[in-house]
Protein backbone atom coordinates (compact mmCIF):
# COMPACT_ATOMS: atom_id res chain seq x y z
CA UNK A 1 92.80 94.69 106.45
CA UNK A 2 94.95 91.60 105.96
CA UNK A 3 94.85 90.90 109.69
CA UNK A 4 91.05 90.74 109.55
CA UNK A 5 91.16 87.69 107.27
CA UNK A 6 90.54 84.22 108.67
CA UNK A 7 93.81 82.57 109.68
CA UNK A 8 93.70 79.98 106.88
CA UNK A 9 93.28 82.70 104.24
CA UNK A 10 96.11 84.74 105.73
CA UNK A 11 98.44 81.74 105.70
CA UNK A 12 97.55 81.01 102.09
CA UNK A 13 98.18 84.62 101.05
CA UNK A 14 101.49 84.69 102.95
CA UNK A 15 102.67 81.62 101.08
CA UNK A 16 101.39 82.80 97.69
CA UNK A 17 102.94 86.25 97.99
CA UNK A 18 106.08 84.73 99.50
CA UNK A 19 106.52 82.71 96.30
CA UNK A 20 105.69 85.70 94.09
CA UNK A 21 108.10 87.91 96.06
CA UNK A 22 110.83 85.28 95.69
CA UNK A 23 110.25 85.11 91.92
CA UNK A 24 110.29 88.91 91.72
CA UNK A 25 113.61 89.03 93.60
CA UNK A 26 115.12 87.05 90.72
CA UNK A 27 113.64 89.24 87.97
CA UNK A 28 117.10 90.00 86.61
CA UNK A 29 117.29 86.38 85.50
CA UNK A 30 113.66 85.44 84.87
CA UNK A 31 112.26 88.81 83.60
CA UNK A 32 109.30 88.43 86.00
CA UNK A 33 109.14 91.69 87.91
CA UNK A 34 106.15 92.55 90.12
CA UNK A 35 104.30 94.14 87.20
CA UNK A 36 104.69 91.08 84.94
CA UNK A 37 103.74 88.69 87.73
CA UNK A 38 100.68 90.78 88.55
CA UNK A 39 99.51 90.71 84.94
CA UNK A 40 99.78 86.91 84.92
CA UNK A 41 98.22 86.28 88.34
CA UNK A 42 95.57 89.02 88.66
CA UNK A 43 92.93 87.52 86.32
CA UNK A 44 92.94 84.37 88.45
CA UNK A 45 92.72 86.05 91.84
CA UNK A 46 89.66 88.30 91.73
CA UNK A 47 86.93 88.76 89.18
CA UNK A 48 83.57 90.43 88.90
CA UNK A 49 80.66 88.36 90.28
CA UNK A 50 78.47 88.75 87.20
CA UNK A 51 79.26 88.87 83.49
CA UNK A 52 79.98 92.36 82.21
CA UNK A 53 81.23 93.88 79.01
CA UNK A 54 84.84 93.65 77.88
CA UNK A 55 85.58 97.26 78.87
CA UNK A 56 84.46 96.76 82.45
CA UNK A 57 86.38 93.48 82.71
CA UNK A 58 89.51 95.20 81.40
CA UNK A 59 89.20 98.01 83.97
CA UNK A 60 88.60 95.49 86.73
CA UNK A 61 91.60 93.38 85.72
CA UNK A 62 93.84 96.45 85.69
CA UNK A 63 92.72 97.41 89.20
CA UNK A 64 93.35 93.90 90.49
CA UNK A 65 96.75 93.83 88.77
CA UNK A 66 97.72 97.06 90.53
CA UNK A 67 96.66 95.56 93.86
CA UNK A 68 98.61 92.35 93.23
CA UNK A 69 101.67 94.32 92.15
CA UNK A 70 101.45 96.40 95.34
CA UNK A 71 101.16 93.24 97.47
CA UNK A 72 104.19 91.67 95.77
CA UNK A 73 106.32 94.78 96.10
CA UNK A 74 105.34 95.30 99.75
CA UNK A 75 104.96 91.69 100.86
CA UNK A 76 107.63 91.95 103.57
CA UNK A 77 105.85 94.88 105.20
CA UNK A 78 102.36 93.41 104.76
CA UNK A 79 102.98 89.75 105.62
CA UNK A 80 106.08 90.10 107.80
CA UNK A 81 109.76 90.52 107.16
CA UNK A 82 110.37 86.80 107.57
CA UNK A 83 108.38 85.95 104.44
CA UNK A 84 111.53 84.52 102.83
CA UNK A 85 111.78 82.01 105.69
CA UNK A 86 108.78 80.18 104.20
CA UNK A 87 111.30 78.54 101.87
């Protein structure tokens, strides 16, 4: 699915998740594991196109957070093992 994105979007996601992966690798010092990062980032990444009630927004945010957490934890496999070389 990621490979179907336009090249500019893929590059942006590689860099974003490269940074998030790097932060997560230092979670012993900064307390920002993939779950915590996902909770912070998810509400800014994807949202419902039309206003809904608080319950639906909460469910949606949780789903997006799970996706972001998965992408952080598996960023090397998804975006390439050389993701750390972006730094």
